């Protein structure tokens, strides 16, 4: 069974791959896990909806309105941690 750290790393890889295939990112590998996706122009408000759809479909969790917070959805690290918290 994967440790929480391993699961976070796996989720980060999956999230980075999703972002690279759905949004224009010149160098996805250079995108830091803690970097704000909104501030860097990777996603906009419509893109956030796409990210939410990806989370819900891929991980089988529901993103509640009260959870639409920057700390949950504005970085690869934040998204991975959010998924871990919802899956536990």
PDB file of N, CA and C in Angstrom:
ATOM      1  N   UNK A   1       0.837  -1.186   0.000  1.00  0.00           N
ATOM      2  CA  UNK A   1       0.000   0.000   0.000  1.00  0.00           C
ATOM      3  C   UNK A   1       0.879   1.246   0.000  1.00  0.00           C
ATOM      4  N   UNK A   2       0.473   2.235  -0.761  1.00  0.00           N
ATOM      5  CA  UNK A   2       1.256   3.461  -0.864  1.00  0.00           C
ATOM      6  C   UNK A   2       1.133   4.298   0.398  1.00  0.00           C
ATOM      7  N   UNK A   3       2.241   4.937   0.774  1.00  0.00           N
ATOM      8  CA  UNK A   3       2.193   5.871   1.888  1.00  0.00           C
ATOM      9  C   UNK A   3       1.516   7.154   1.421  1.00  0.00           C
ATOM     10  N   UNK A   4       1.137   7.990   2.369  1.00  0.00           N
ATOM     11  CA  UNK A   4       0.515   9.268   1.998  1.00  0.00           C
ATOM     12  C   UNK A   4       1.459  10.083   1.130  1.00  0.00           C
ATOM     13  N   UNK A   5       2.744  10.085   1.462  1.00  0.00           N
ATOM     14  CA  UNK A   5       3.730  10.836   0.662  1.00  0.00           C
ATOM     15  C   UNK A   5       3.775  10.303  -0.776  1.00  0.00           C
ATOM     16  N   UNK A   6       3.764   8.983  -0.917  1.00  0.00           N
ATOM     17  CA  UNK A   6       3.771   8.382  -2.256  1.00  0.00           C
ATOM     18  C   UNK A   6       2.501   8.736  -3.024  1.00  0.00           C
ATOM     19  N   UNK A   7       1.363   8.722  -2.324  1.00  0.00           N
ATOM     20  CA  UNK A   7       0.101   9.074  -2.963  1.00  0.00           C
ATOM     21  C   UNK A   7       0.113  10.523  -3.425  1.00  0.00           C
ATOM     22  N   UNK A   8       0.650  11.426  -2.597  1.00  0.00           N
ATOM     23  CA  UNK A   8       0.734  12.836  -2.978  1.00  0.00           C
ATOM     24  C   UNK A   8       1.591  12.976  -4.229  1.00  0.00           C
ATOM     25  N   UNK A   9       2.715  12.293  -4.281  1.00  0.00           N
ATOM     26  CA  UNK A   9       3.597  12.372  -5.454  1.00  0.00           C
ATOM     27  C   UNK A   9       2.904  11.824  -6.695  1.00  0.00           C
ATOM     28  N   UNK A  10       2.184  10.731  -6.547  1.00  0.00           N
ATOM     29  CA  UNK A  10       1.441  10.155  -7.673  1.00  0.00           C
ATOM     30  C   UNK A  10       0.384  11.136  -8.164  1.00  0.00           C
ATOM     31  N   UNK A  11      -0.365  11.710  -7.231  1.00  0.00           N
ATOM     32  CA  UNK A  11      -1.396  12.683  -7.606  1.00  0.00           C
ATOM     33  C   UNK A  11      -0.773  13.893  -8.280  1.00  0.00           C
ATOM     34  N   UNK A  12       0.358  14.363  -7.772  1.00  0.00           N
ATOM     35  CA  UNK A  12       1.016  15.529  -8.380  1.00  0.00           C
ATOM     36  C   UNK A  12       1.405  15.236  -9.828  1.00  0.00           C
ATOM     37  N   UNK A  13       1.910  14.039 -10.087  1.00  0.00           N
ATOM     38  CA  UNK A  13       2.264  13.662 -11.461  1.00  0.00           C
ATOM     39  C   UNK A  13       1.019  13.644 -12.349  1.00  0.00           C
ATOM     40  N   UNK A  14      -0.078  13.075 -11.845  1.00  0.00           N
ATOM     41  CA  UNK A  14      -1.318  13.008 -12.622  1.00  0.00           C
ATOM     42  C   UNK A  14      -1.871  14.407 -12.886  1.00  0.00           C
ATOM     43  N   UNK A  15      -1.824  15.270 -11.891  1.00  0.00           N
ATOM     44  CA  UNK A  15      -2.321  16.644 -12.039  1.00  0.00           C
ATOM     45  C   UNK A  15      -1.476  17.403 -13.043  1.00  0.00           C
ATOM     46  N   UNK A  16      -0.147  17.277 -12.938  1.00  0.00           N
ATOM     47  CA  UNK A  16       0.753  17.957 -13.875  1.00  0.00           C
ATOM     48  C   UNK A  16       0.487  17.477 -15.297  1.00  0.00           C
ATOM     49  N   UNK A  17       0.271  16.175 -15.485  1.00  0.00           N
ATOM     50  CA  UNK A  17      -0.014  15.630 -16.817  1.00  0.00           C
ATOM     51  C   UNK A  17      -1.339  16.177 -17.346  1.00  0.00           C
ATOM     52  N   UNK A  18      -2.352  16.269 -16.483  1.00  0.00           N
ATOM     53  CA  UNK A  18      -3.637  16.843 -16.894  1.00  0.00           C
ATOM     54  C   UNK A  18      -3.461  18.292 -17.330  1.00  0.00           C
ATOM     55  N   UNK A  19      -2.755  19.076 -16.523  1.00  0.00           N
ATOM     56  CA  UNK A  19      -2.550  20.490 -16.857  1.00  0.00           C
ATOM     57  C   UNK A  19      -1.796  20.633 -18.176  1.00  0.00           C
ATOM     58  N   UNK A  20      -0.775  19.816 -18.366  1.00  0.00           N
ATOM     59  CA  UNK A  20       0.028  19.900 -19.588  1.00  0.00           C
ATOM     60  C   UNK A  20      -0.784  19.540 -20.826  1.00  0.00           C
ATOM     61  N   UNK A  21      -1.730  18.612 -20.680  1.00  0.00           N
ATOM     62  CA  UNK A  21      -2.501  18.195 -21.852  1.00  0.00           C
ATOM     63  C   UNK A  21      -3.726  19.069 -22.109  1.00  0.00           C
ATOM     64  N   UNK A  22      -4.159  19.848 -21.109  1.00  0.00           N
ATOM     65  CA  UNK A  22      -5.378  20.644 -21.264  1.00  0.00           C
ATOM     66  C   UNK A  22      -5.160  22.154 -21.297  1.00  0.00           C
ATOM     67  N   UNK A  23      -3.982  22.613 -20.912  1.00  0.00           N
ATOM     68  CA  UNK A  23      -3.692  24.042 -20.880  1.00  0.00           C
ATOM     69  C   UNK A  23      -2.323  24.258 -21.511  1.00  0.00           C
ATOM     70  N   UNK A  24      -2.121  25.459 -22.049  1.00  0.00           N
ATOM     71  CA  UNK A  24      -0.816  25.744 -22.654  1.00  0.00           C
ATOM     72  C   UNK A  24       0.207  25.993 -21.553  1.00  0.00           C
ATOM     73  N   UNK A  25       1.168  25.100 -21.481  1.00  0.00           N
ATOM     74  CA  UNK A  25       2.289  25.248 -20.552  1.00  0.00           C
ATOM     75  C   UNK A  25       3.544  24.969 -21.366  1.00  0.00           C
ATOM     76  N   UNK A  26       4.407  25.968 -21.463  1.00  0.00           N
ATOM     77  CA  UNK A  26       5.608  25.812 -22.280  1.00  0.00           C
ATOM     78  C   UNK A  26       6.475  24.651 -21.795  1.00  0.00           C
ATOM     79  N   UNK A  27       6.660  24.547 -20.487  1.00  0.00           N
ATOM     80  CA  UNK A  27       7.492  23.484 -19.910  1.00  0.00           C
ATOM     81  C   UNK A  27       6.821  22.981 -18.640  1.00  0.00           C
ATOM     82  N   UNK A  28       6.010  21.942 -18.769  1.00  0.00           N
ATOM     83  CA  UNK A  28       5.252  21.427 -17.622  1.00  0.00           C
ATOM     84  C   UNK A  28       6.167  20.948 -16.500  1.00  0.00           C
ATOM     85  N   UNK A  29       7.332  20.407 -16.859  1.00  0.00           N
ATOM     86  CA  UNK A  29       8.254  19.925 -15.826  1.00  0.00           C
ATOM     87  C   UNK A  29       8.821  21.077 -14.988  1.00  0.00           C
ATOM     88  N   UNK A  30       8.854  22.273 -15.567  1.00  0.00           N
ATOM     89  CA  UNK A  30       9.383  23.433 -14.841  1.00  0.00           C
ATOM     90  C   UNK A  30       8.337  24.056 -13.918  1.00  0.00           C
ATOM     91  N   UNK A  31       7.094  23.651 -14.058  1.00  0.00           N
ATOM     92  CA  UNK A  31       6.029  24.188 -13.220  1.00  0.00           C
ATOM     93  C   UNK A  31       6.179  23.633 -11.810  1.00  0.00           C
ATOM     94  N   UNK A  32       6.490  24.503 -10.876  1.00  0.00           N
ATOM     95  CA  UNK A  32       6.695  24.095  -9.487  1.00  0.00           C
ATOM     96  C   UNK A  32       5.378  23.695  -8.843  1.00  0.00           C
ATOM     97  N   UNK A  33       5.425  22.712  -7.967  1.00  0.00           N
ATOM     98  CA  UNK A  33       4.211  22.202  -7.317  1.00  0.00           C
ATOM     99  C   UNK A  33       3.506  23.253  -6.479  1.00  0.00           C
ATOM    100  N   UNK A  34       4.253  24.203  -5.929  1.00  0.00           N
ATOM    101  CA  UNK A  34       3.676  25.221  -5.061  1.00  0.00           C
ATOM    102  C   UNK A  34       3.267  26.486  -5.814  1.00  0.00           C
ATOM    103  N   UNK A  35       3.581  26.568  -7.095  1.00  0.00           N
ATOM    104  CA  UNK A  35       3.298  27.756  -7.898  1.00  0.00           C
ATOM    105  C   UNK A  35       1.796  27.961  -8.069  1.00  0.00           C
ATOM    106  N   UNK A  36       1.351  29.204  -7.920  1.00  0.00           N
ATOM    107  CA  UNK A  36      -0.058  29.534  -8.125  1.00  0.00           C
ATOM    108  C   UNK A  36      -0.401  29.390  -9.600  1.00  0.00           C
ATOM    109  N   UNK A  37      -1.363  28.528  -9.883  1.00  0.00           N
ATOM    110  CA  UNK A  37      -1.779  28.306 -11.269  1.00  0.00           C
ATOM    111  C   UNK A  37      -2.473  29.537 -11.842  1.00  0.00           C
ATOM    112  N   UNK A  38      -3.213  30.251 -11.003  1.00  0.00           N
ATOM    113  CA  UNK A  38      -3.892  31.473 -11.445  1.00  0.00           C
ATOM    114  C   UNK A  38      -2.890  32.602 -11.679  1.00  0.00           C
ATOM    115  N   UNK A  39      -1.989  32.821 -10.732  1.00  0.00           N
ATOM    116  CA  UNK A  39      -1.012  33.908 -10.860  1.00  0.00           C
ATOM    117  C   UNK A  39      -0.095  33.712 -12.058  1.00  0.00           C
ATOM    118  N   UNK A  40       0.228  32.468 -12.381  1.00  0.00           N
ATOM    119  CA  UNK A  40       1.118  32.178 -13.510  1.00  0.00           C
ATOM    120  C   UNK A  40       0.373  32.133 -14.841  1.00  0.00           C
ATOM    121  N   UNK A  41      -0.951  32.293 -14.792  1.00  0.00           N
ATOM    122  CA  UNK A  41      -1.728  32.292 -16.021  1.00  0.00           C
ATOM    123  C   UNK A  41      -1.931  30.914 -16.628  1.00  0.00           C
ATOM    124  N   UNK A  42      -1.678  29.869 -15.838  1.00  0.00           N
ATOM    125  CA  UNK A  42      -1.875  28.507 -16.338  1.00  0.00           C
ATOM    126  C   UNK A  42      -3.363  28.237 -16.500  1.00  0.00           C
ATOM    127  N   UNK A  43      -4.156  28.618 -15.493  1.00  0.00           N
ATOM    128  CA  UNK A  43      -5.607  28.460 -15.563  1.00  0.00           C
ATOM    129  C   UNK A  43      -6.272  29.800 -15.263  1.00  0.00           C
ATOM    130  N   UNK A  44      -7.467  29.967 -15.795  1.00  0.00           N
ATOM    131  CA  UNK A  44      -8.292  31.131 -15.466  1.00  0.00           C
ATOM    132  C   UNK A  44      -9.546  30.598 -14.777  1.00  0.00           C
ATOM    133  N   UNK A  45     -10.545  31.432 -14.615  1.00  0.00           N
ATOM    134  CA  UNK A  45     -11.747  30.987 -13.891  1.00  0.00           C
ATOM    135  C   UNK A  45     -12.429  29.817 -14.586  1.00  0.00           C
ATOM    136  N   UNK A  46     -12.432  29.805 -15.905  1.00  0.00           N
ATOM    137  CA  UNK A  46     -13.003  28.680 -16.646  1.00  0.00           C
ATOM    138  C   UNK A  46     -12.131  27.439 -16.468  1.00  0.00           C
ATOM    139  N   UNK A  47     -10.837  27.642 -16.449  1.00  0.00           N
ATOM    140  CA  UNK A  47      -9.902  26.540 -16.240  1.00  0.00           C
ATOM    141  C   UNK A  47     -10.077  25.879 -14.892  1.00  0.00           C
ATOM    142  N   UNK A  48     -10.428  26.667 -13.876  1.00  0.00           N
ATOM    143  CA  UNK A  48     -10.678  26.102 -12.552  1.00  0.00           C
ATOM    144  C   UNK A  48     -11.822  25.094 -12.625  1.00  0.00           C
ATOM    145  N   UNK A  49     -12.846  25.421 -13.426  1.00  0.00           N
ATOM    146  CA  UNK A  49     -13.961  24.487 -13.596  1.00  0.00           C
ATOM    147  C   UNK A  49     -13.501  23.191 -14.256  1.00  0.00           C
ATOM    148  N   UNK A  50     -12.578  23.291 -15.196  1.00  0.00           N
ATOM    149  CA  UNK A  50     -12.026  22.094 -15.831  1.00  0.00           C
ATOM    150  C   UNK A  50     -11.234  21.265 -14.832  1.00  0.00           C
ATOM    151  N   UNK A  51     -10.481  21.937 -13.975  1.00  0.00           N
ATOM    152  CA  UNK A  51      -9.712  21.245 -12.935  1.00  0.00           C
ATOM    153  C   UNK A  51     -10.665  20.513 -11.987  1.00  0.00           C
ATOM    154  N   UNK A  52     -11.745  21.174 -11.602  1.00  0.00           N
ATOM    155  CA  UNK A  52     -12.736  20.556 -10.722  1.00  0.00           C
ATOM    156  C   UNK A  52     -13.341  19.316 -11.389  1.00  0.00           C
ATOM    157  N   UNK A  53     -13.681  19.428 -12.662  1.00  0.00           N
ATOM    158  CA  UNK A  53     -14.204  18.277 -13.399  1.00  0.00           C
ATOM    159  C   UNK A  53     -13.213  17.126 -13.419  1.00  0.00           C
ATOM    160  N   UNK A  54     -11.944  17.445 -13.630  1.00  0.00           N
ATOM    161  CA  UNK A  54     -10.886  16.425 -13.619  1.00  0.00           C
ATOM    162  C   UNK A  54     -10.820  15.737 -12.259  1.00  0.00           C
ATOM    163  N   UNK A  55     -10.840  16.514 -11.195  1.00  0.00           N
ATOM    164  CA  UNK A  55     -10.767  15.945  -9.840  1.00  0.00           C
ATOM    165  C   UNK A  55     -11.952  15.017  -9.593  1.00  0.00           C
ATOM    166  N   UNK A  56     -13.137  15.495  -9.927  1.00  0.00           N
ATOM    167  CA  UNK A  56     -14.339  14.705  -9.654  1.00  0.00           C
ATOM    168  C   UNK A  56     -14.377  13.416 -10.466  1.00  0.00           C
ATOM    169  N   UNK A  57     -14.026  13.494 -11.740  1.00  0.00           N
ATOM    170  CA  UNK A  57     -14.074  12.315 -12.609  1.00  0.00           C
ATOM    171  C   UNK A  57     -12.946  11.332 -12.310  1.00  0.00           C
ATOM    172  N   UNK A  58     -11.750  11.856 -12.095  1.00  0.00           N
ATOM    173  CA  UNK A  58     -10.581  10.997 -11.918  1.00  0.00           C
ATOM    174  C   UNK A  58     -10.555  10.325 -10.557  1.00  0.00           C
ATOM    175  N   UNK A  59     -10.929  11.063  -9.526  1.00  0.00           N
ATOM    176  CA  UNK A  59     -10.767  10.557  -8.165  1.00  0.00           C
ATOM    177  C   UNK A  59     -12.090  10.206  -7.490  1.00  0.00           C
ATOM    178  N   UNK A  60     -13.206  10.410  -8.180  1.00  0.00           N
ATOM    179  CA  UNK A  60     -14.497  10.012  -7.652  1.00  0.00           C
ATOM    180  C   UNK A  60     -14.921  10.757  -6.397  1.00  0.00           C
ATOM    181  N   UNK A  61     -14.522  12.015  -6.316  1.00  0.00           N
ATOM    182  CA  UNK A  61     -14.911  12.833  -5.163  1.00  0.00           C
ATOM    183  C   UNK A  61     -15.723  14.026  -5.652  1.00  0.00           C
ATOM    184  N   UNK A  62     -16.508  14.591  -4.771  1.00  0.00           N
ATOM    185  CA  UNK A  62     -17.307  15.761  -5.101  1.00  0.00           C
ATOM    186  C   UNK A  62     -16.668  16.986  -4.460  1.00  0.00           C
ATOM    187  N   UNK A  63     -16.423  18.003  -5.261  1.00  0.00           N
ATOM    188  CA  UNK A  63     -15.884  19.263  -4.759  1.00  0.00           C
ATOM    189  C   UNK A  63     -17.075  20.124  -4.354  1.00  0.00           C
ATOM    190  N   UNK A  64     -17.196  20.362  -3.067  1.00  0.00           N
ATOM    191  CA  UNK A  64     -18.304  21.166  -2.542  1.00  0.00           C
ATOM    192  C   UNK A  64     -18.015  22.651  -2.759  1.00  0.00           C
ATOM    193  N   UNK A  65     -19.080  23.453  -2.859  1.00  0.00           N
ATOM    194  CA  UNK A  65     -18.915  24.896  -3.044  1.00  0.00           C
ATOM    195  C   UNK A  65     -18.040  25.502  -1.946  1.00  0.00           C
ATOM    196  N   UNK A  66     -18.206  25.035  -0.719  1.00  0.00           N
ATOM    197  CA  UNK A  66     -17.436  25.575   0.407  1.00  0.00           C
ATOM    198  C   UNK A  66     -15.954  25.221   0.325  1.00  0.00           C
ATOM    199  N   UNK A  67     -15.593  24.299  -0.561  1.00  0.00           N
ATOM    200  CA  UNK A  67     -14.193  23.868  -0.716  1.00  0.00           C
ATOM    201  C   UNK A  67     -13.499  24.544  -1.889  1.00  0.00           C
ATOM    202  N   UNK A  68     -14.192  25.438  -2.573  1.00  0.00           N
ATOM    203  CA  UNK A  68     -13.607  26.158  -3.713  1.00  0.00           C
ATOM    204  C   UNK A  68     -12.723  27.286  -3.191  1.00  0.00           C
ATOM    205  N   UNK A  69     -11.593  26.893  -2.642  1.00  0.00           N
ATOM    206  CA  UNK A  69     -10.672  27.825  -2.010  1.00  0.00           C
ATOM    207  C   UNK A  69      -9.315  27.757  -2.693  1.00  0.00           C
ATOM    208  N   UNK A  70      -8.588  28.879  -2.731  1.00  0.00           N
ATOM    209  CA  UNK A  70      -7.268  28.862  -3.362  1.00  0.00           C
ATOM    210  C   UNK A  70      -6.339  27.790  -2.794  1.00  0.00           C
ATOM    211  N   UNK A  71      -6.381  27.577  -1.489  1.00  0.00           N
ATOM    212  CA  UNK A  71      -5.465  26.573  -0.908  1.00  0.00           C
ATOM    213  C   UNK A  71      -5.778  25.160  -1.402  1.00  0.00           C
ATOM    214  N   UNK A  72      -6.985  24.927  -1.894  1.00  0.00           N
ATOM    215  CA  UNK A  72      -7.353  23.608  -2.420  1.00  0.00           C
ATOM    216  C   UNK A  72      -7.106  23.466  -3.914  1.00  0.00           C
ATOM    217  N   UNK A  73      -7.173  24.561  -4.664  1.00  0.00           N
ATOM    218  CA  UNK A  73      -7.226  24.440  -6.122  1.00  0.00           C
ATOM    219  C   UNK A  73      -6.231  25.304  -6.897  1.00  0.00           C
ATOM    220  N   UNK A  74      -5.364  26.038  -6.216  1.00  0.00           N
ATOM    221  CA  UNK A  74      -4.512  26.997  -6.934  1.00  0.00           C
ATOM    222  C   UNK A  74      -3.082  26.533  -7.163  1.00  0.00           C
ATOM    223  N   UNK A  75      -2.754  25.315  -6.772  1.00  0.00           N
ATOM    224  CA  UNK A  75      -1.415  24.794  -7.047  1.00  0.00           C
ATOM    225  C   UNK A  75      -1.493  23.277  -7.162  1.00  0.00           C
ATOM    226  N   UNK A  76      -0.504  22.708  -7.780  1.00  0.00           N
ATOM    227  CA  UNK A  76      -0.464  21.253  -7.908  1.00  0.00           C
ATOM    228  C   UNK A  76      -0.411  20.624  -6.515  1.00  0.00           C
ATOM    229  N   UNK A  77       0.419  21.167  -5.642  1.00  0.00           N
ATOM    230  CA  UNK A  77       0.537  20.660  -4.276  1.00  0.00           C
ATOM    231  C   UNK A  77      -0.802  20.775  -3.542  1.00  0.00           C
ATOM    232  N   UNK A  78      -1.450  21.925  -3.656  1.00  0.00           N
ATOM    233  CA  UNK A  78      -2.727  22.134  -2.987  1.00  0.00           C
ATOM    234  C   UNK A  78      -3.799  21.167  -3.462  1.00  0.00           C
ATOM    235  N   UNK A  79      -3.844  20.943  -4.777  1.00  0.00           N
ATOM    236  CA  UNK A  79      -4.823  20.004  -5.331  1.00  0.00           C
ATOM    237  C   UNK A  79      -4.548  18.590  -4.821  1.00  0.00           C
ATOM    238  N   UNK A  80      -3.290  18.185  -4.826  1.00  0.00           N
ATOM    239  CA  UNK A  80      -2.932  16.842  -4.357  1.00  0.00           C
ATOM    240  C   UNK A  80      -3.306  16.671  -2.881  1.00  0.00           C
ATOM    241  N   UNK A  81      -3.013  17.661  -2.062  1.00  0.00           N
ATOM    242  CA  UNK A  81      -3.355  17.590  -0.632  1.00  0.00           C
ATOM    243  C   UNK A  81      -4.864  17.554  -0.447  1.00  0.00           C
ATOM    244  N   UNK A  82      -5.569  18.330  -1.237  1.00  0.00           N
ATOM    245  CA  UNK A  82      -7.036  18.345  -1.170  1.00  0.00           C
ATOM    246  C   UNK A  82      -7.592  16.957  -1.489  1.00  0.00           C
ATOM    247  N   UNK A  83      -7.092  16.335  -2.550  1.00  0.00           N
ATOM    248  CA  UNK A  83      -7.555  15.008  -2.925  1.00  0.00           C
ATOM    249  C   UNK A  83      -7.289  14.010  -1.793  1.00  0.00           C
ATOM    250  N   UNK A  84      -6.111  14.070  -1.213  1.00  0.00           N
ATOM    251  CA  UNK A  84      -5.773  13.180  -0.081  1.00  0.00           C
ATOM    252  C   UNK A  84      -6.781  13.381   1.053  1.00  0.00           C
ATOM    253  N   UNK A  85      -7.087  14.636   1.368  1.00  0.00           N
ATOM    254  CA  UNK A  85      -8.008  14.905   2.491  1.00  0.00           C
ATOM    255  C   UNK A  85      -9.415  14.380   2.205  1.00  0.00           C
ATOM    256  N   UNK A  86      -9.831  14.426   0.947  1.00  0.00           N
ATOM    257  CA  UNK A  86     -11.171  13.951   0.581  1.00  0.00           C
ATOM    258  C   UNK A  86     -11.225  12.416   0.504  1.00  0.00           C
ATOM    259  N   UNK A  87     -10.124  11.779   0.181  1.00  0.00           N
ATOM    260  CA  UNK A  87     -10.095  10.329   0.022  1.00  0.00           C
ATOM    261  C   UNK A  87      -9.957   9.606   1.360  1.00  0.00           C
ATOM    262  N   UNK A  88      -9.566  10.324   2.405  1.00  0.00           N
ATOM    263  CA  UNK A  88      -9.389   9.684   3.727  1.00  0.00           C
ATOM    264  C   UNK A  88     -10.698   9.572   4.454  1.00  0.00           C
TER     265      UNK A  88
END
